[in-house]
Amino acid sequence: MIAFELARRSRERVAALVLLDSSHPDQLAHFAACASASQLAAEAEERREMADMDSA
């Protein structure tokens, strides 16, 4: 938003804006690899509970 406002206020000095997406295609896999063991255990338990609810 700051870049857009700067461009609007300084039209004579700004020819274009370049917007970058800082996400990575594999970022979810990287986040999972960095998760702590307790987080992974809690997520596994939640999945088991959901599976139990689905099969009931």
PDB file of N, CA and C in Angstrom:
ATOM      1  N   MET A   1       0.819  -1.187   0.000  1.00  0.00           N
ATOM      2  CA  MET A   1       0.000   0.000   0.000  1.00  0.00           C
ATOM      3  C   MET A   1       0.866   1.256   0.000  1.00  0.00           C
ATOM      4  N   ILE A   2       1.963   1.213   0.696  1.00  0.00           N
ATOM      5  CA  ILE A   2       2.858   2.365   0.751  1.00  0.00           C
ATOM      6  C   ILE A   2       3.420   2.654  -0.636  1.00  0.00           C
ATOM      7  N   ALA A   3       3.794   1.595  -1.356  1.00  0.00           N
ATOM      8  CA  ALA A   3       4.351   1.775  -2.701  1.00  0.00           C
ATOM      9  C   ALA A   3       3.321   2.403  -3.632  1.00  0.00           C
ATOM     10  N   PHE A   4       2.078   1.958  -3.536  1.00  0.00           N
ATOM     11  CA  PHE A   4       1.020   2.530  -4.377  1.00  0.00           C
ATOM     12  C   PHE A   4       0.816   4.011  -4.069  1.00  0.00           C
ATOM     13  N   GLU A   5       0.846   4.353  -2.796  1.00  0.00           N
ATOM     14  CA  GLU A   5       0.662   5.753  -2.411  1.00  0.00           C
ATOM     15  C   GLU A   5       1.834   6.608  -2.887  1.00  0.00           C
ATOM     16  N   LEU A   6       3.047   6.100  -2.773  1.00  0.00           N
ATOM     17  CA  LEU A   6       4.215   6.821  -3.274  1.00  0.00           C
ATOM     18  C   LEU A   6       4.091   7.047  -4.782  1.00  0.00           C
ATOM     19  N   ALA A   7       3.690   5.993  -5.491  1.00  0.00           N
ATOM     20  CA  ALA A   7       3.529   6.113  -6.944  1.00  0.00           C
ATOM     21  C   ALA A   7       2.444   7.132  -7.293  1.00  0.00           C
ATOM     22  N   ARG A   8       1.374   7.125  -6.525  1.00  0.00           N
ATOM     23  CA  ARG A   8       0.283   8.076  -6.798  1.00  0.00           C
ATOM     24  C   ARG A   8       0.735   9.514  -6.558  1.00  0.00           C
ATOM     25  N   ARG A   9       1.479   9.724  -5.496  1.00  0.00           N
ATOM     26  CA  ARG A   9       1.917  11.080  -5.151  1.00  0.00           C
ATOM     27  C   ARG A   9       3.055  11.572  -6.036  1.00  0.00           C
ATOM     28  N   SER A  10       3.812  10.665  -6.608  1.00  0.00           N
ATOM     29  CA  SER A  10       4.996  11.036  -7.387  1.00  0.00           C
ATOM     30  C   SER A  10       4.914  10.485  -8.805  1.00  0.00           C
ATOM     31  N   ARG A  11       3.805  10.674  -9.454  1.00  0.00           N
ATOM     32  CA  ARG A  11       3.591  10.113 -10.790  1.00  0.00           C
ATOM     33  C   ARG A  11       4.695  10.493 -11.776  1.00  0.00           C
ATOM     34  N   GLU A  12       5.230  11.677 -11.639  1.00  0.00           N
ATOM     35  CA  GLU A  12       6.260  12.114 -12.585  1.00  0.00           C
ATOM     36  C   GLU A  12       7.592  11.404 -12.363  1.00  0.00           C
ATOM     37  N   ARG A  13       7.780  10.805 -11.185  1.00  0.00           N
ATOM     38  CA  ARG A  13       9.039  10.121 -10.881  1.00  0.00           C
ATOM     39  C   ARG A  13       8.918   8.598 -10.908  1.00  0.00           C
ATOM     40  N   VAL A  14       7.705   8.077 -10.965  1.00  0.00           N
ATOM     41  CA  VAL A  14       7.501   6.625 -10.916  1.00  0.00           C
ATOM     42  C   VAL A  14       6.941   6.153 -12.243  1.00  0.00           C
ATOM     43  N   ALA A  15       7.693   5.317 -12.929  1.00  0.00           N
ATOM     44  CA  ALA A  15       7.250   4.795 -14.224  1.00  0.00           C
ATOM     45  C   ALA A  15       6.463   3.502 -14.061  1.00  0.00           C
ATOM     46  N   ALA A  16       6.809   2.701 -13.046  1.00  0.00           N
ATOM     47  CA  ALA A  16       6.141   1.412 -12.869  1.00  0.00           C
ATOM     48  C   ALA A  16       6.409   0.893 -11.465  1.00  0.00           C
ATOM     49  N   LEU A  17       5.590  -0.052 -11.059  1.00  0.00           N
ATOM     50  CA  LEU A  17       5.797  -0.761  -9.797  1.00  0.00           C
ATOM     51  C   LEU A  17       5.983  -2.235 -10.119  1.00  0.00           C
ATOM     52  N   VAL A  18       6.894  -2.860  -9.403  1.00  0.00           N
ATOM     53  CA  VAL A  18       7.102  -4.299  -9.554  1.00  0.00           C
ATOM     54  C   VAL A  18       6.651  -4.946  -8.254  1.00  0.00           C
ATOM     55  N   LEU A  19       5.668  -5.834  -8.355  1.00  0.00           N
ATOM     56  CA  LEU A  19       5.139  -6.522  -7.179  1.00  0.00           C
ATOM     57  C   LEU A  19       5.660  -7.956  -7.177  1.00  0.00           C
ATOM     58  N   LEU A  20       6.217  -8.375  -6.052  1.00  0.00           N
ATOM     59  CA  LEU A  20       6.798  -9.702  -5.940  1.00  0.00           C
ATOM     60  C   LEU A  20       6.010 -10.543  -4.954  1.00  0.00           C
ATOM     61  N   ASP A  21       5.835 -11.803  -5.283  1.00  0.00           N
ATOM     62  CA  ASP A  21       5.214 -12.768  -4.376  1.00  0.00           C
ATOM     63  C   ASP A  21       6.344 -13.520  -3.710  1.00  0.00           C
ATOM     64  N   SER A  22       6.469 -13.395  -2.417  1.00  0.00           N
ATOM     65  CA  SER A  22       7.610 -13.996  -1.717  1.00  0.00           C
ATOM     66  C   SER A  22       7.378 -15.449  -1.341  1.00  0.00           C
ATOM     67  N   SER A  23       6.234 -16.014  -1.697  1.00  0.00           N
ATOM     68  CA  SER A  23       6.001 -17.424  -1.367  1.00  0.00           C
ATOM     69  C   SER A  23       6.798 -18.323  -2.307  1.00  0.00           C
ATOM     70  N   HIS A  24       7.011 -19.536  -1.859  1.00  0.00           N
ATOM     71  CA  HIS A  24       7.764 -20.520  -2.624  1.00  0.00           C
ATOM     72  C   HIS A  24       6.829 -21.686  -2.928  1.00  0.00           C
ATOM     73  N   PRO A  25       6.919 -22.286  -4.105  1.00  0.00           N
ATOM     74  CA  PRO A  25       6.011 -23.393  -4.433  1.00  0.00           C
ATOM     75  C   PRO A  25       6.043 -24.537  -3.416  1.00  0.00           C
ATOM     76  N   ASP A  26       7.171 -24.751  -2.776  1.00  0.00           N
ATOM     77  CA  ASP A  26       7.307 -25.841  -1.810  1.00  0.00           C
ATOM     78  C   ASP A  26       7.262 -25.357  -0.362  1.00  0.00           C
ATOM     79  N   GLN A  27       6.748 -24.171  -0.118  1.00  0.00           N
ATOM     80  CA  GLN A  27       6.847 -23.622   1.227  1.00  0.00           C
ATOM     81  C   GLN A  27       6.095 -24.453   2.262  1.00  0.00           C
ATOM     82  N   LEU A  28       4.975 -25.060   1.904  1.00  0.00           N
ATOM     83  CA  LEU A  28       4.253 -25.866   2.881  1.00  0.00           C
ATOM     84  C   LEU A  28       5.078 -27.081   3.289  1.00  0.00           C
ATOM     85  N   ALA A  29       5.778 -27.675   2.353  1.00  0.00           N
ATOM     86  CA  ALA A  29       6.648 -28.807   2.685  1.00  0.00           C
ATOM     87  C   ALA A  29       7.787 -28.359   3.592  1.00  0.00           C
ATOM     88  N   HIS A  30       8.329 -27.179   3.330  1.00  0.00           N
ATOM     89  CA  HIS A  30       9.404 -26.653   4.175  1.00  0.00           C
ATOM     90  C   HIS A  30       8.889 -26.346   5.579  1.00  0.00           C
ATOM     91  N   PHE A  31       7.677 -25.792   5.675  1.00  0.00           N
ATOM     92  CA  PHE A  31       7.104 -25.509   6.991  1.00  0.00           C
ATOM     93  C   PHE A  31       6.902 -26.806   7.761  1.00  0.00           C
ATOM     94  N   ALA A  32       6.399 -27.833   7.073  1.00  0.00           N
ATOM     95  CA  ALA A  32       6.174 -29.120   7.736  1.00  0.00           C
ATOM     96  C   ALA A  32       7.483 -29.707   8.234  1.00  0.00           C
ATOM     97  N   ALA A  33       8.533 -29.562   7.456  1.00  0.00           N
ATOM     98  CA  ALA A  33       9.835 -30.090   7.862  1.00  0.00           C
ATOM     99  C   ALA A  33      10.373 -29.375   9.094  1.00  0.00           C
ATOM    100  N   CYS A  34       9.970 -28.144   9.290  1.00  0.00           N
ATOM    101  CA  CYS A  34      10.459 -27.361  10.419  1.00  0.00           C
ATOM    102  C   CYS A  34       9.567 -27.472  11.654  1.00  0.00           C
ATOM    103  N   ALA A  35       8.418 -28.097  11.503  1.00  0.00           N
ATOM    104  CA  ALA A  35       7.491 -28.197  12.630  1.00  0.00           C
ATOM    105  C   ALA A  35       8.114 -29.033  13.748  1.00  0.00           C
ATOM    106  N   SER A  36       7.786 -28.681  14.955  1.00  0.00           N
ATOM    107  CA  SER A  36       8.334 -29.429  16.092  1.00  0.00           C
ATOM    108  C   SER A  36       7.627 -30.774  16.229  1.00  0.00           C
ATOM    109  N   ALA A  37       8.254 -31.678  16.918  1.00  0.00           N
ATOM    110  CA  ALA A  37       7.688 -33.018  17.114  1.00  0.00           C
ATOM    111  C   ALA A  37       6.337 -32.938  17.814  1.00  0.00           C
ATOM    112  N   SER A  38       6.186 -32.038  18.763  1.00  0.00           N
ATOM    113  CA  SER A  38       4.911 -31.932  19.479  1.00  0.00           C
ATOM    114  C   SER A  38       3.806 -31.437  18.557  1.00  0.00           C
ATOM    115  N   GLN A  39       4.129 -30.525  17.648  1.00  0.00           N
ATOM    116  CA  GLN A  39       3.141 -30.063  16.682  1.00  0.00           C
ATOM    117  C   GLN A  39       2.706 -31.206  15.775  1.00  0.00           C
ATOM    118  N   LEU A  40       3.663 -31.985  15.312  1.00  0.00           N
ATOM    119  CA  LEU A  40       3.350 -33.107  14.437  1.00  0.00           C
ATOM    120  C   LEU A  40       2.506 -34.142  15.167  1.00  0.00           C
ATOM    121  N   ALA A  41       2.827 -34.407  16.430  1.00  0.00           N
ATOM    122  CA  ALA A  41       2.061 -35.373  17.216  1.00  0.00           C
ATOM    123  C   ALA A  41       0.639 -34.879  17.426  1.00  0.00           C
ATOM    124  N   ALA A  42       0.470 -33.599  17.706  1.00  0.00           N
ATOM    125  CA  ALA A  42      -0.863 -33.035  17.910  1.00  0.00           C
ATOM    126  C   ALA A  42      -1.678 -33.108  16.625  1.00  0.00           C
ATOM    127  N   GLU A  43      -1.056 -32.825  15.499  1.00  0.00           N
ATOM    128  CA  GLU A  43      -1.758 -32.899  14.215  1.00  0.00           C
ATOM    129  C   GLU A  43      -2.143 -34.343  13.892  1.00  0.00           C
ATOM    130  N   ALA A  44      -1.276 -35.296  14.206  1.00  0.00           N
ATOM    131  CA  ALA A  44      -1.581 -36.707  13.963  1.00  0.00           C
ATOM    132  C   ALA A  44      -2.759 -37.137  14.824  1.00  0.00           C
ATOM    133  N   GLU A  45      -2.786 -36.716  16.064  1.00  0.00           N
ATOM    134  CA  GLU A  45      -3.903 -37.035  16.957  1.00  0.00           C
ATOM    135  C   GLU A  45      -5.205 -36.432  16.428  1.00  0.00           C
ATOM    136  N   GLU A  46      -5.143 -35.205  15.952  1.00  0.00           N
ATOM    137  CA  GLU A  46      -6.333 -34.566  15.393  1.00  0.00           C
ATOM    138  C   GLU A  46      -6.836 -35.334  14.170  1.00  0.00           C
ATOM    139  N   ARG A  47      -5.913 -35.784  13.319  1.00  0.00           N
ATOM    140  CA  ARG A  47      -6.317 -36.573  12.150  1.00  0.00           C
ATOM    141  C   ARG A  47      -6.962 -37.897  12.568  1.00  0.00           C
ATOM    142  N   ARG A  48      -6.398 -38.544  13.608  1.00  0.00           N
ATOM    143  CA  ARG A  48      -6.989 -39.793  14.103  1.00  0.00           C
ATOM    144  C   ARG A  48      -8.401 -39.554  14.618  1.00  0.00           C
ATOM    145  N   GLU A  49      -8.579 -38.457  15.358  1.00  0.00           N
ATOM    146  CA  GLU A  49      -9.907 -38.138  15.899  1.00  0.00           C
ATOM    147  C   GLU A  49     -10.900 -37.875  14.768  1.00  0.00           C
ATOM    148  N   MET A  50     -10.456 -37.181  13.735  1.00  0.00           N
ATOM    149  CA  MET A  50     -11.340 -36.899  12.593  1.00  0.00           C
ATOM    150  C   MET A  50     -11.695 -38.191  11.874  1.00  0.00           C
ATOM    151  N   ALA A  51     -10.733 -39.086  11.734  1.00  0.00           N
ATOM    152  CA  ALA A  51     -10.990 -40.371  11.074  1.00  0.00           C
ATOM    153  C   ALA A  51     -11.970 -41.199  11.890  1.00  0.00           C
ATOM    154  N   ASP A  52     -11.814 -41.170  13.227  1.00  0.00           N
ATOM    155  CA  ASP A  52     -12.741 -41.895  14.100  1.00  0.00           C
ATOM    156  C   ASP A  52     -14.151 -41.345  13.963  1.00  0.00           C
ATOM    157  N   MET A  53     -14.281 -40.036  13.866  1.00  0.00           N
ATOM    158  CA  MET A  53     -15.600 -39.413  13.708  1.00  0.00           C
ATOM    159  C   MET A  53     -16.217 -39.792  12.368  1.00  0.00           C
ATOM    160  N   ASP A  54     -15.389 -39.856  11.334  1.00  0.00           N
ATOM    161  CA  ASP A  54     -15.889 -40.210   9.997  1.00  0.00           C
ATOM    162  C   ASP A  54     -16.364 -41.656   9.948  1.00  0.00           C
ATOM    163  N   SER A  55     -15.678 -42.551  10.672  1.00  0.00           N
ATOM    164  CA  SER A  55     -16.028 -43.969  10.609  1.00  0.00           C
ATOM    165  C   SER A  55     -17.176 -44.321  11.563  1.00  0.00           C
ATOM    166  N   ALA A  56     -17.521 -43.430  12.465  1.00  0.00           N
ATOM    167  CA  ALA A  56     -18.602 -43.702  13.431  1.00  0.00           C
ATOM    168  C   ALA A  56     -19.974 -43.505  12.830  1.00  0.00           C
TER     169      ALA A  56
END
